[in-house]
Amino acid sequence: MKRKIIVFKAETSLHELLMELIINFSYGFVANSITVFMQKELDLPVLINFLIYYAFVSIIINRDKYETAFGKFVYMPVGCTLGAFTGYKLALLISNII
């Protein structure tokens, strides 16, 4: 997992690639869940999501920047988009249960 690989002219490892995908997915998931919980006026889930969201913002802002077009225009947006859509669907399910 630590062996270096080349993906669209970017040198990385499979471990790093998967970890960044998980971070991007989680960022999109939490960011989009906030809006659903706000619309349903569920204060505790909104508060918890804000705490998690700003923790992810600090990770996103303080990490090394993507240097390739693949990272900037494919890798980051795809992970965040999948997370946001999943957050939207799960937040609706959770809010209906609550």
Protein backbone atom coordinates (compact mmCIF):
# COMPACT_ATOMS: atom_id res chain seq x y z
CA MET A 1 0.00 0.00 0.00
CA LYS A 2 2.97 2.34 0.53
CA ARG A 3 4.52 1.62 -2.88
CA LYS A 4 4.61 4.72 -5.10
CA ILE A 5 2.39 4.74 -8.18
CA ILE A 6 1.89 7.27 -10.98
CA VAL A 7 -1.67 8.50 -11.57
CA PHE A 8 -2.10 11.08 -14.34
CA LYS A 9 1.49 12.34 -13.92
CA ALA A 10 1.17 12.53 -10.11
CA GLU A 11 3.33 10.31 -7.91
CA THR A 12 1.47 8.95 -4.89
CA SER A 13 0.81 5.75 -2.99
CA LEU A 14 -2.39 3.75 -2.93
CA HIS A 15 -2.69 4.39 0.80
CA GLU A 16 -2.45 8.16 0.33
CA LEU A 17 -4.91 8.05 -2.57
CA LEU A 18 -7.49 6.15 -0.49
CA MET A 19 -7.02 8.35 2.59
CA GLU A 20 -7.53 11.54 0.57
CA LEU A 21 -10.62 10.03 -1.08
CA ILE A 22 -12.06 9.24 2.37
CA ILE A 23 -11.32 12.79 3.57
CA ASN A 24 -12.92 14.34 0.47
CA PHE A 25 -15.97 12.05 0.74
CA SER A 26 -16.39 12.84 4.45
CA TYR A 27 -16.05 16.58 3.82
CA GLY A 28 -18.79 16.52 1.19
CA PHE A 29 -20.97 14.23 3.32
CA VAL A 30 -20.86 16.46 6.41
CA ALA A 31 -21.16 19.71 4.44
CA ASN A 32 -24.34 18.61 2.70
CA SER A 33 -25.91 16.96 5.75
CA ILE A 34 -25.90 20.34 7.50
CA THR A 35 -28.36 21.87 5.03
CA VAL A 36 -30.83 19.00 5.34
CA PHE A 37 -30.78 19.12 9.15
CA MET A 38 -31.15 22.93 9.07
CA GLN A 39 -34.16 22.69 6.81
CA LYS A 40 -35.73 20.15 9.18
CA GLU A 41 -34.78 22.39 12.16
CA LEU A 42 -32.97 19.62 14.04
CA ASP A 43 -30.61 21.61 16.25
CA LEU A 44 -28.45 18.88 17.77
CA PRO A 45 -27.54 17.23 14.43
CA VAL A 46 -26.79 20.69 13.01
CA LEU A 47 -24.47 21.47 15.91
CA ILE A 48 -22.68 18.11 15.64
CA ASN A 49 -22.30 18.48 11.87
CA PHE A 50 -20.90 22.00 12.25
CA LEU A 51 -18.28 20.73 14.68
CA ILE A 52 -17.28 17.92 12.34
CA TYR A 53 -17.47 20.17 9.27
CA TYR A 54 -15.07 22.76 10.65
CA ALA A 55 -12.68 20.01 11.74
CA PHE A 56 -12.65 18.83 8.11
CA VAL A 57 -12.22 22.39 6.84
CA SER A 58 -9.06 22.68 8.92
CA ILE A 59 -7.78 19.40 7.42
CA ILE A 60 -8.62 20.50 3.87
CA ILE A 61 -7.09 23.97 4.26
CA ASN A 62 -3.91 22.81 6.00
CA ARG A 63 -3.01 19.86 3.76
CA ASP A 64 -0.67 19.99 0.81
CA LYS A 65 -2.36 21.44 -2.23
CA TYR A 66 -3.13 19.27 -5.24
CA GLU A 67 -0.53 20.00 -7.88
CA THR A 68 -1.94 18.15 -10.88
CA ALA A 69 -5.02 18.76 -12.98
CA PHE A 70 -6.25 15.29 -12.00
CA GLY A 71 -6.19 16.23 -8.32
CA LYS A 72 -7.73 19.66 -8.81
CA PHE A 73 -10.44 18.86 -11.31
CA VAL A 74 -11.24 15.15 -10.87
CA TYR A 75 -10.09 13.69 -7.57
CA MET A 76 -11.24 16.40 -5.13
CA PRO A 77 -14.61 17.15 -6.80
CA VAL A 78 -15.58 13.49 -7.30
CA GLY A 79 -14.95 12.53 -3.67
CA CYS A 80 -16.76 15.59 -2.35
CA THR A 81 -19.69 15.13 -4.74
CA LEU A 82 -20.18 11.49 -3.76
CA GLY A 83 -19.99 12.45 -0.10
CA ALA A 84 -22.42 15.33 -0.51
CA PHE A 85 -25.00 13.17 -2.26
CA THR A 86 -24.66 10.43 0.33
CA GLY A 87 -24.94 13.03 3.11
CA TYR A 88 -28.10 14.40 1.55
CA LYS A 89 -29.75 10.98 1.33
CA LEU A 90 -28.66 9.78 4.79
CA ALA A 91 -29.55 13.08 6.44
CA LEU A 92 -33.09 12.80 5.05
CA LEU A 93 -33.32 9.25 6.36
CA ILE A 94 -32.00 10.23 9.81
CA SER A 95 -34.28 13.26 10.02
CA ASN A 96 -37.30 11.12 9.20
CA ILE A 97 -36.33 8.68 11.95
CA ILE A 98 -35.87 11.49 14.49
